[in-house]
Amino acid sequence: MKIFGTDYDGVIINIEPQKASAFGELLYREWGVDKDEASRFWMEKGGTSRRYKFDHFYENHSGKKLADETYEVIESEYSNLLKSKYYPQVKLLDGALELLKFARTNFNFTFISSGIPTEEIKYLANLNGVSHNFDLILGTGGRNSSKADHFRQIIQERKPNLTIFVADSPADMKIAKEFGAIPIGVLTNHSREELLNAGASVTCDLNNVISVIKNYIKLRR
């Protein structure tokens, strides 16, 4: 069983910088958080859940735990902003569609593991016309509070002998390595050094990912 997984933002599309800026503006307006600090934190913590990012600033700002009801209100405002202002303009990164077609043909099972809430990542993949390339699209919320939950579910259910995971953040490299996957770091929003230090087996530009994966498939034959 060969499994291919990927993060979404930073591999298939890239609007992380815009999302970080919108996050900073929202937290400044609602909670008085320094917008630049919030934006930097968003970028640094790529690969983590949206809830984690909101929790961090709410607790630091108020000294209290973020209640589910409060989170749902501000997260809905943030999500609606992305859907109205940013998502309609987004385009696939060069090489993304070719990668997905290759994965669909050469792997037994394909999935998305995203820190975006589940319904929103499904919406986004459908909007971008790529949802049919995946057997499973996983976001956060409900029983999946983090990407570790995604990997745990897939490894336990599928028992693969090869798992490739493509992403662009250090957090993703750590999680993939922890669960025995081969982490391929894409140089979209983080440096080669950051990705390698976090556990990436190899780093490359998106257009070179297919050739890297072919080498790993050959080694496992």
Protein backbone atom coordinates (compact mmCIF):
# COMPACT_ATOMS: atom_id res chain seq x y z
CA MET A 1 0.00 0.00 0.00
CA LYS A 2 1.57 3.26 -1.20
CA ILE A 3 0.08 6.46 0.23
CA PHE A 4 0.55 10.05 -0.92
CA GLY A 5 -0.41 12.94 1.31
CA THR A 6 -0.02 16.67 1.05
CA ASP A 7 -0.68 19.87 2.89
CA TYR A 8 -2.78 22.29 0.85
CA ASP A 9 -1.73 25.90 1.32
CA GLY A 10 1.93 26.16 0.37
CA VAL A 11 1.83 23.16 -1.97
CA ILE A 12 -1.33 23.29 -4.09
CA ILE A 13 -1.92 27.01 -3.62
CA ASN A 14 -0.11 29.70 -1.66
CA ILE A 15 -2.05 32.38 0.16
CA GLU A 16 -0.37 31.92 3.54
CA PRO A 17 1.03 35.49 3.52
CA GLN A 18 -2.43 36.94 2.83
CA LYS A 19 -4.01 34.73 5.49
CA ALA A 20 -1.35 35.81 7.98
CA SER A 21 -2.04 39.48 7.24
CA ALA A 22 -5.80 38.99 7.57
CA PHE A 23 -5.26 37.16 10.88
CA GLY A 24 -3.19 40.03 12.21
CA GLU A 25 -5.75 42.64 11.18
CA LEU A 26 -8.60 40.67 12.76
CA LEU A 27 -6.84 40.11 16.08
CA TYR A 28 -5.81 43.75 16.25
CA ARG A 29 -9.39 44.86 15.70
CA GLU A 30 -11.05 42.35 18.02
CA TRP A 31 -8.49 41.76 20.78
CA GLY A 32 -5.98 44.58 20.48
CA VAL A 33 -3.15 42.22 19.53
CA ASP A 34 -0.15 43.65 17.68
CA LYS A 35 -0.97 42.87 14.06
CA ASP A 36 2.63 42.31 12.95
CA GLU A 37 3.27 39.92 15.82
CA ALA A 38 0.13 37.96 14.96
CA SER A 39 1.04 37.80 11.27
CA ARG A 40 4.55 36.57 12.03
CA PHE A 41 3.20 33.94 14.40
CA TRP A 42 0.82 32.67 11.71
CA MET A 43 3.68 32.18 9.27
CA GLU A 44 5.99 30.63 11.85
CA LYS A 45 3.34 28.15 12.94
CA GLY A 46 2.38 26.92 9.48
CA GLY A 47 1.06 23.37 9.64
CA THR A 48 -0.70 23.89 12.97
CA SER A 49 -4.46 24.19 13.34
CA ARG A 50 -6.30 27.48 13.09
CA ARG A 51 -7.70 26.86 16.57
CA TYR A 52 -4.17 26.62 17.99
CA LYS A 53 -3.30 30.05 16.60
CA PHE A 54 -6.40 31.73 18.01
CA ASP A 55 -5.95 29.94 21.36
CA HIS A 56 -2.39 31.22 21.67
CA PHE A 57 -3.26 34.90 21.37
CA TYR A 58 -6.48 34.78 23.36
CA GLU A 59 -4.77 33.14 26.33
CA ASN A 60 -1.79 35.49 26.15
CA HIS A 61 -4.03 38.53 25.84
CA SER A 62 -6.73 37.69 28.40
CA GLY A 63 -5.10 35.08 30.60
CA LYS A 64 -8.13 32.87 30.03
CA LYS A 65 -8.84 29.79 27.91
CA LEU A 66 -10.67 30.52 24.67
CA ALA A 67 -14.24 29.23 24.99
CA ASP A 68 -15.65 27.24 22.10
CA GLU A 69 -18.46 29.77 21.61
CA THR A 70 -16.04 32.69 21.42
CA TYR A 71 -13.79 30.80 19.02
CA GLU A 72 -16.69 29.88 16.73
CA VAL A 73 -17.69 33.54 16.40
CA ILE A 74 -14.24 34.90 15.54
CA GLU A 75 -13.30 31.89 13.40
CA SER A 76 -16.50 32.31 11.39
CA GLU A 77 -15.64 35.96 10.79
CA TYR A 78 -12.15 34.99 9.65
CA SER A 79 -13.41 32.16 7.44
CA ASN A 80 -16.01 34.38 5.77
CA LEU A 81 -13.32 36.98 5.06
CA LEU A 82 -11.15 34.39 3.33
CA LYS A 83 -14.06 33.04 1.30
CA SER A 84 -15.18 36.47 0.14
CA LYS A 85 -11.87 38.27 -0.40
CA TYR A 86 -9.10 35.74 -0.98
CA TYR A 87 -10.29 32.29 -2.05
CA PRO A 88 -12.06 33.41 -5.26
CA GLN A 89 -8.78 34.88 -6.56
CA VAL A 90 -6.51 31.96 -5.74
CA LYS A 91 -4.74 29.97 -8.46
CA LEU A 92 -2.94 26.65 -8.36
CA LEU A 93 0.82 26.84 -8.03
CA ASP A 94 2.88 25.89 -11.06
CA GLY A 95 3.45 22.14 -10.94
CA ALA A 96 0.64 21.43 -8.46
CA LEU A 97 -1.80 19.86 -10.89
CA GLU A 98 0.92 17.72 -12.48
CA LEU A 99 1.90 16.48 -9.00
CA LEU A 100 -1.69 15.55 -8.15
CA LYS A 101 -2.16 13.66 -11.42
CA PHE A 102 1.08 11.79 -10.85
CA ALA A 103 0.09 10.88 -7.30
CA ARG A 104 -3.35 9.71 -8.37
CA THR A 105 -1.79 7.38 -10.94
CA ASN A 106 1.10 6.03 -8.87
CA PHE A 107 -0.32 5.70 -5.36
CA ASN A 108 -3.05 3.50 -3.92
CA PHE A 109 -4.43 6.20 -1.65
CA THR A 110 -4.17 10.00 -1.62
CA PHE A 111 -5.11 12.51 1.05
CA ILE A 112 -4.97 16.14 2.15
CA SER A 113 -3.93 16.94 5.71
CA SER A 114 -4.67 20.58 6.45
CA GLY A 115 -4.86 22.81 9.51
CA ILE A 116 -7.84 24.55 7.91
CA PRO A 117 -11.24 23.53 9.37
CA THR A 118 -12.60 20.44 7.63
CA GLU A 119 -15.59 21.93 5.83
CA GLU A 120 -13.52 24.88 4.66
CA ILE A 121 -10.69 22.79 3.18
CA LYS A 122 -13.26 20.65 1.37
CA TYR A 123 -14.88 23.82 0.05
CA LEU A 124 -11.52 25.18 -1.08
CA ALA A 125 -10.40 21.97 -2.81
CA ASN A 126 -13.72 21.84 -4.64
CA LEU A 127 -13.49 25.52 -5.57
CA ASN A 128 -10.01 24.91 -7.02
CA GLY A 129 -11.24 21.88 -8.96
CA VAL A 130 -8.88 19.36 -7.37
CA SER A 131 -11.03 17.45 -4.85
CA HIS A 132 -11.44 14.49 -7.23
CA ASN A 133 -7.70 13.82 -6.94
CA PHE A 134 -8.05 12.74 -3.31
CA ASP A 135 -9.53 9.76 -1.53
CA LEU A 136 -9.71 11.68 1.73
CA ILE A 137 -9.66 15.38 2.62
CA LEU A 138 -8.91 16.07 6.27
CA GLY A 139 -9.01 19.35 8.13
CA THR A 140 -9.26 20.23 11.79
CA GLY A 141 -12.27 20.31 14.08
CA GLY A 142 -14.38 17.63 15.71
CA ARG A 143 -12.31 14.55 16.44
CA ASN A 144 -9.35 15.92 14.49
CA SER A 145 -7.71 18.60 16.60
CA SER A 146 -4.36 18.35 14.80
CA LYS A 147 -2.57 16.74 11.88
CA ALA A 148 -1.28 14.06 14.22
CA ASP A 149 -4.88 12.82 14.36
CA HIS A 150 -4.93 12.62 10.56
CA PHE A 151 -1.77 10.55 10.37
CA ARG A 152 -2.82 8.30 13.23
CA GLN A 153 -6.11 7.52 11.49
CA ILE A 154 -4.57 6.82 8.09
CA ILE A 155 -1.65 4.73 9.35
CA GLN A 156 -3.90 2.60 11.56
CA GLU A 157 -6.54 2.05 8.90
CA ARG A 158 -4.35 1.66 5.81
CA LYS A 159 -1.11 0.16 7.17
CA PRO A 160 1.01 1.47 4.28
CA ASN A 161 4.49 0.24 3.38
CA LEU A 162 5.30 3.64 1.85
CA THR A 163 3.90 7.03 2.81
CA ILE A 164 5.06 10.22 1.13
CA PHE A 165 3.98 13.55 2.58
CA VAL A 166 4.60 16.83 0.77
CA ALA A 167 4.34 20.10 2.67
CA ASP A 168 6.03 23.45 3.18
CA SER A 169 6.24 23.94 6.95
CA PRO A 170 8.58 22.67 9.68
CA ALA A 171 5.60 21.47 11.76
CA ASP A 172 4.51 19.23 8.88
CA MET A 173 7.98 17.76 8.56
CA LYS A 174 8.01 16.86 12.26
CA ILE A 175 4.59 15.21 12.20
CA ALA A 176 5.22 13.23 9.02
CA LYS A 177 8.54 11.93 10.32
CA GLU A 178 6.99 11.03 13.68
CA PHE A 179 4.50 8.75 11.94
CA GLY A 180 7.03 7.07 9.67
CA ALA A 181 6.23 8.97 6.49
CA ILE A 182 8.87 10.40 4.16
CA PRO A 183 8.58 14.20 4.52
CA ILE A 184 9.34 16.18 1.37
CA GLY A 185 9.75 19.86 2.10
CA VAL A 186 8.65 22.32 -0.56
CA LEU A 187 10.47 25.66 -0.52
CA THR A 188 7.40 27.90 -0.64
CA ASN A 189 7.29 29.78 2.66
CA HIS A 190 10.18 28.36 4.69
CA SER A 191 13.90 27.92 4.13
CA ARG A 192 15.70 24.68 3.28
CA GLU A 193 17.51 24.85 6.62
CA GLU A 194 14.26 25.18 8.60
CA LEU A 195 12.67 22.22 6.83
CA LEU A 196 15.71 19.97 7.12
CA ASN A 197 16.17 20.80 10.80
CA ALA A 198 12.54 19.85 11.38
CA GLY A 199 13.00 16.42 9.80
CA ALA A 200 12.53 16.78 6.04
CA SER A 201 14.09 13.88 4.14
CA VAL A 202 14.68 16.17 1.19
CA THR A 203 13.74 19.69 0.13
CA CYS A 204 13.08 21.01 -3.37
CA ASP A 205 10.96 23.34 -5.45
CA LEU A 206 7.46 22.14 -6.26
CA ASN A 207 8.35 21.41 -9.88
CA ASN A 208 10.97 18.88 -8.75
CA VAL A 209 8.80 16.92 -6.31
CA ILE A 210 7.71 14.31 -8.87
CA SER A 211 11.29 13.33 -9.70
CA VAL A 212 12.09 13.07 -5.98
CA ILE A 213 9.08 10.81 -5.38
CA LYS A 214 10.03 8.60 -8.34
CA ASN A 215 13.38 7.94 -6.72
CA TYR A 216 11.74 6.86 -3.46
CA ILE A 217 9.35 4.54 -5.30
CA LYS A 218 12.29 2.90 -7.10
CA LEU A 219 14.10 2.36 -3.80
CA ARG A 220 11.07 0.54 -2.34
CA ARG A 221 10.66 -1.88 -5.22
